[in-house]
Protein backbone atom coordinates (compact mmCIF):
# COMPACT_ATOMS: atom_id res chain seq x y z
CA MET A 1 -0.03 -0.04 0.20
CA ALA A 2 2.92 2.50 1.03
CA VAL A 3 4.58 1.66 -2.31
CA ARG A 4 1.15 2.59 -4.19
CA VAL A 5 0.80 5.64 -2.42
CA GLY A 6 4.43 6.72 -3.14
CA ARG A 7 4.00 5.94 -6.64
CA ALA A 8 1.17 7.79 -7.01
CA ALA A 9 2.36 10.58 -5.32
CA ALA A 10 5.59 10.79 -7.60
CA LEU A 11 3.59 10.38 -10.61
CA THR A 12 1.18 13.14 -9.24
CA LEU A 13 3.89 15.65 -8.57
CA LEU A 14 5.70 14.88 -11.80
CA ALA A 15 2.46 15.61 -13.99
CA GLY A 16 2.25 18.60 -11.66
CA THR A 17 5.54 19.82 -12.91
CA VAL A 18 5.13 19.26 -16.37
CA GLY A 19 1.83 20.85 -16.56
CA GLY A 20 3.97 23.65 -14.81
CA ALA A 21 6.27 23.86 -17.24
CA ALA A 22 3.92 23.53 -19.90
CA LEU A 23 1.71 26.51 -18.57
CA LEU A 24 4.99 28.47 -18.12
CA ALA A 25 5.79 27.87 -21.67
CA GLY A 26 2.72 28.80 -23.23
CA GLU A 27 2.66 32.02 -21.23
CA ALA A 28 6.17 32.87 -22.27
CA LEU A 29 5.13 32.41 -25.65
CA VAL A 30 2.16 34.73 -25.28
CA ALA A 31 4.25 37.33 -23.76
CA ARG A 32 6.62 37.02 -26.41
CA THR A 33 4.19 37.51 -29.37
CA ARG A 34 1.86 40.65 -27.45
CA ARG A 35 1.97 43.70 -29.33
CA TYR A 36 4.01 46.15 -26.96
CA ALA A 37 4.70 49.95 -27.15
CA GLN A 38 7.82 51.19 -29.59
CA PRO A 39 9.80 53.98 -29.69
CA GLU A 40 8.26 57.27 -30.62
CA MET A 41 10.69 58.66 -33.38
CA GLY A 42 9.41 62.10 -32.77
CA LEU A 43 10.44 61.99 -28.75
CA THR A 44 13.62 64.34 -28.23
CA LEU A 45 16.66 62.91 -27.03
CA ARG A 46 18.33 66.20 -26.62
CA ALA A 47 16.09 69.21 -24.88
CA THR A 48 16.65 72.00 -22.68
CA VAL A 49 14.05 72.36 -19.89
CA GLY A 50 13.65 75.46 -17.14
CA ASP A 51 15.02 79.06 -17.25
CA ARG A 52 17.85 79.67 -19.51
CA SER A 53 19.42 82.18 -17.02
CA ALA A 54 19.60 79.77 -14.42
CA PRO A 55 22.41 77.68 -13.71
CA PRO A 56 23.05 74.48 -15.77
CA LEU A 57 22.71 71.03 -14.99
CA ARG A 58 23.74 68.09 -17.77
CA LEU A 59 21.69 64.98 -17.23
CA VAL A 60 21.81 62.23 -19.54
CA LEU A 61 19.85 58.75 -19.38
CA LEU A 62 21.31 55.52 -20.27
CA GLY A 63 19.50 51.99 -20.63
CA ASP A 64 16.67 50.37 -22.03
CA SER A 65 13.20 51.18 -23.31
CA LEU A 66 12.39 53.00 -19.85
CA ALA A 67 15.11 55.61 -20.21
CA LEU A 68 13.76 56.72 -23.99
CA GLY A 69 10.35 56.71 -22.32
CA VAL A 70 8.44 53.90 -24.13
CA GLY A 71 4.81 54.00 -23.55
CA VAL A 72 4.42 57.81 -24.07
CA ASP A 73 4.58 59.70 -27.01
CA GLN A 74 5.67 63.39 -25.28
CA MET A 75 9.27 64.34 -24.10
CA ALA A 76 8.07 65.98 -21.37
CA ASP A 77 5.90 62.85 -20.00
CA THR A 78 9.46 60.43 -20.25
CA VAL A 79 10.97 59.79 -16.93
CA GLY A 80 14.05 62.26 -18.16
CA GLY A 81 11.45 64.70 -19.04
CA GLN A 82 9.52 64.67 -15.78
CA LEU A 83 12.87 64.66 -13.96
CA ALA A 84 14.06 67.54 -15.84
CA ARG A 85 11.24 69.51 -15.11
CA LEU A 86 11.25 68.63 -11.37
CA LEU A 87 14.92 69.84 -11.25
CA SER A 88 14.53 72.91 -12.94
CA GLU A 89 11.77 74.12 -10.59
CA GLY A 90 13.99 73.47 -7.86
CA ASP A 91 12.04 70.53 -6.30
CA GLY A 92 14.15 68.03 -4.12
CA PRO A 93 15.73 67.87 -0.72
CA THR A 94 18.22 70.71 -2.49
CA ALA A 95 16.22 73.21 -3.73
CA GLY A 96 17.51 75.87 -6.59
CA ARG A 97 16.07 76.54 -9.94
CA ARG A 98 18.13 74.99 -12.71
CA ARG A 99 18.64 74.66 -16.52
CA VAL A 100 18.46 71.32 -17.32
CA GLU A 101 20.38 70.31 -20.43
CA LEU A 102 18.75 66.67 -21.28
CA SER A 103 19.84 63.98 -23.20
CA SER A 104 19.22 60.28 -23.38
CA VAL A 105 21.38 57.53 -24.99
CA GLY A 106 19.35 54.55 -24.10
CA VAL A 107 18.19 52.15 -26.49
CA SER A 108 14.86 50.33 -26.97
CA GLY A 109 15.76 46.37 -25.64
CA SER A 110 19.02 47.12 -24.23
CA ARG A 111 20.63 44.71 -21.54
CA SER A 112 23.53 45.40 -19.41
CA THR A 113 26.02 44.33 -21.47
CA ASP A 114 25.02 47.06 -24.02
CA LEU A 115 25.90 49.73 -21.28
CA ALA A 116 29.68 49.65 -22.64
CA THR A 117 28.64 51.42 -26.12
CA GLN A 118 26.19 53.89 -24.04
CA VAL A 119 28.58 55.04 -21.80
CA ALA A 120 31.16 55.80 -24.78
CA ARG A 121 28.26 57.87 -26.41
CA ALA A 122 27.45 59.60 -23.29
CA LEU A 123 31.08 60.76 -22.81
CA LEU A 124 31.48 61.79 -26.35
CA GLY A 125 31.68 65.98 -26.49
CA GLN A 126 30.77 68.08 -23.35
CA LEU A 127 30.67 65.70 -20.10
CA PRO A 128 27.36 65.31 -18.60
CA ASP A 129 27.03 66.21 -14.77
CA VAL A 130 25.03 63.46 -13.57
CA ALA A 131 23.77 60.19 -15.43
CA VAL A 132 20.50 58.14 -14.54
CA ILE A 133 20.96 54.55 -15.47
CA LEU A 134 17.57 52.51 -16.28
CA ILE A 135 18.34 49.00 -16.84
CA GLY A 136 17.66 45.35 -15.74
CA ALA A 137 14.54 44.64 -17.22
CA ASN A 138 15.35 42.67 -20.11
CA ASP A 139 17.96 41.30 -17.97
CA ALA A 140 15.36 39.54 -15.67
CA THR A 141 13.01 38.74 -18.16
CA GLY A 142 15.17 36.97 -20.44
CA LEU A 143 16.86 35.07 -17.23
CA ARG A 144 20.25 36.39 -17.60
CA ARG A 145 22.84 35.57 -14.42
CA PRO A 146 21.93 38.64 -12.15
CA VAL A 147 25.72 38.50 -11.16
CA GLU A 148 27.19 38.66 -14.75
CA ALA A 149 24.57 41.61 -15.65
CA ALA A 150 25.29 43.69 -12.56
CA ALA A 151 29.00 43.29 -13.26
CA HIS A 152 28.62 45.02 -16.71
CA LEU A 153 26.35 47.74 -14.99
CA GLY A 154 29.04 47.99 -11.98
CA ALA A 155 31.91 48.26 -15.16
CA ALA A 156 29.19 51.14 -16.78
CA VAL A 157 29.27 53.26 -13.54
CA ARG A 158 33.01 53.04 -12.77
CA ARG A 159 33.50 54.49 -16.08
CA LEU A 160 31.57 57.29 -15.80
CA ARG A 161 32.50 58.10 -11.96
CA THR A 162 36.25 57.93 -13.44
CA ALA A 163 35.26 60.40 -15.99
CA GLY A 164 33.82 62.81 -12.75
CA VAL A 165 29.93 61.96 -14.26
CA GLU A 166 27.83 61.61 -10.46
CA VAL A 167 25.66 58.28 -11.36
CA VAL A 168 22.39 57.55 -10.16
CA VAL A 169 20.69 53.95 -10.80
CA GLY A 170 17.33 53.05 -10.54
CA THR A 171 17.34 49.01 -10.20
CA CYS A 172 15.48 46.63 -11.97
CA PRO A 173 11.69 47.77 -11.81
CA ASP A 174 8.83 45.50 -9.92
CA LEU A 175 8.13 43.41 -12.76
CA GLY A 176 5.08 41.69 -10.92
CA ALA A 177 3.50 44.40 -11.49
CA VAL A 178 3.09 44.36 -15.26
CA ARG A 179 -0.11 43.05 -16.64
CA SER A 180 0.93 41.78 -20.03
CA ILE A 181 2.23 38.71 -18.18
CA ALA A 182 -0.05 35.96 -16.66
CA PRO A 183 0.56 34.41 -13.43
CA PRO A 184 2.16 32.10 -12.29
CA LEU A 185 4.98 33.65 -15.00
CA ARG A 186 4.74 36.92 -13.43
CA GLN A 187 5.72 35.84 -10.04
CA VAL A 188 8.61 33.90 -11.90
CA VAL A 189 9.65 37.25 -13.75
CA GLY A 190 8.96 39.11 -10.71
CA TRP A 191 11.21 36.88 -8.44
CA ALA A 192 14.11 37.42 -10.97
CA GLY A 193 13.51 41.51 -10.79
CA ARG A 194 14.02 41.29 -7.31
CA VAL A 195 17.33 39.37 -7.45
CA THR A 196 18.85 41.15 -10.08
CA ALA A 197 17.50 44.34 -8.54
CA ARG A 198 19.85 42.99 -5.32
CA ALA A 199 22.62 41.92 -7.56
CA GLN A 200 22.62 45.58 -9.30
CA ALA A 201 22.46 47.48 -6.24
CA ARG A 202 25.81 45.58 -4.81
CA ALA A 203 27.68 46.25 -8.01
CA VAL A 204 26.69 50.03 -8.01
CA HIS A 205 27.54 50.65 -4.52
CA GLU A 206 31.26 49.25 -5.12
CA SER A 207 31.46 50.98 -7.93
CA GLY A 208 30.87 54.68 -6.23
CA GLY A 209 27.18 55.09 -7.98
CA HIS A 210 23.84 55.56 -5.84
CA THR A 211 21.20 53.31 -6.26
CA VAL A 212 17.05 54.03 -5.90
CA ASP A 213 15.29 50.81 -5.39
CA LEU A 214 12.24 51.34 -7.98
CA ALA A 215 10.44 48.19 -7.01
CA ALA A 216 10.21 49.43 -3.14
CA GLU A 217 9.54 52.96 -4.02
CA ALA A 218 6.97 52.58 -6.64
CA GLY A 219 6.27 48.76 -6.92
CA PRO A 220 3.28 49.01 -5.00
CA VAL A 221 1.73 52.01 -6.79
CA PHE A 222 2.51 50.41 -9.90
CA ARG A 223 0.69 46.94 -8.64
CA ALA A 224 -2.44 48.92 -7.29
CA ASP A 225 -2.94 51.25 -10.14
CA ALA A 226 -3.59 49.87 -13.82
CA GLY A 227 -3.20 53.26 -15.29
CA THR A 228 0.43 53.35 -14.27
CA LEU A 229 1.11 51.44 -17.36
CA CYS A 230 0.21 52.01 -20.89
CA TYR A 231 -1.92 50.27 -23.11
CA ASP A 232 0.66 47.27 -23.43
CA GLY A 233 0.46 46.41 -19.81
CA TYR A 234 4.49 46.50 -19.57
CA HIS A 235 5.84 49.93 -20.14
CA PRO A 236 4.95 52.91 -17.60
CA SER A 237 2.43 55.33 -18.86
CA ALA A 238 2.80 59.06 -18.54
CA ASP A 239 1.58 58.64 -14.73
CA GLY A 240 3.99 56.04 -14.20
CA TYR A 241 7.11 57.50 -15.11
CA ARG A 242 5.85 60.47 -13.09
CA VAL A 243 5.88 58.14 -10.11
CA TRP A 244 9.42 56.66 -11.20
CA ALA A 245 10.81 60.41 -11.54
CA HIS A 246 9.61 61.32 -8.11
CA ALA A 247 11.25 58.27 -6.35
CA LEU A 248 14.54 59.17 -8.39
CA LEU A 249 14.34 62.90 -7.48
CA PRO A 250 15.80 62.89 -4.24
CA ALA A 251 18.79 61.15 -5.44
CA VAL A 252 19.55 62.93 -8.43
CA ALA A 253 19.12 66.32 -6.76
CA ARG A 254 21.57 65.01 -4.22
CA ALA A 255 24.02 64.01 -7.13
CA ALA A 256 23.51 67.37 -8.72
CA SER A 257 24.43 69.25 -5.34
CA GLY A 258 27.57 67.35 -5.60
CA VAL A 259 28.29 68.97 -8.67
CA ASP A 260 27.63 72.55 -7.34
CA ARG A 261 30.37 71.46 -4.56
CA ARG A 262 32.80 71.02 -6.93
């Protein structure tokens, strides 16, 4: 009897495992074939925001589609545009109006291995004062090794810091909040995102940069409000980018104040 029960339990476990794997594979296929928002060619990658007579702050964004603002169609609604507006108005822990010279070298679909090329582009010409890096979602959803991805991120941060650029990294956002991926795959990528974010934080701190835990700071809002995502259920909407901009603002403002003290 015990042997029969053991065999039945083993067969049940095997069937559950196979069934679960098939379910995850099916959901992954659906997620890959969904129609996602694409970069808007009309988005300005260079803009000046604020009073032109105010002290300048050169701000550059690096990373993936989130650094570009995929999901919205106006520069002012991107995370960079909203950060620039807040900084230009003197919001944040270090008040003072600024003329923010905003640019982005981010590329949609980028992983951490792609940052080396972006850093080279960011350092061309006049150096930025502050760099904001948003990366990690594609590493996590592609199930890349978190330590390896974080090592590439750390190398990018070190290159920027060696050049005298202050660096703020928004670690991998809460992928468990996306609605384009169904459970239980959503929970799997959410877990992968958390592991990636922890590895990123260690690498960035060791490389002299600052981090903002976007999953902790903004994740609960994204989980509660579907309006923080655009029509594809994956990329942020203007409201979502606004939540991120406010989460990033204190660290970026402190980095900017470090520039002022040089």
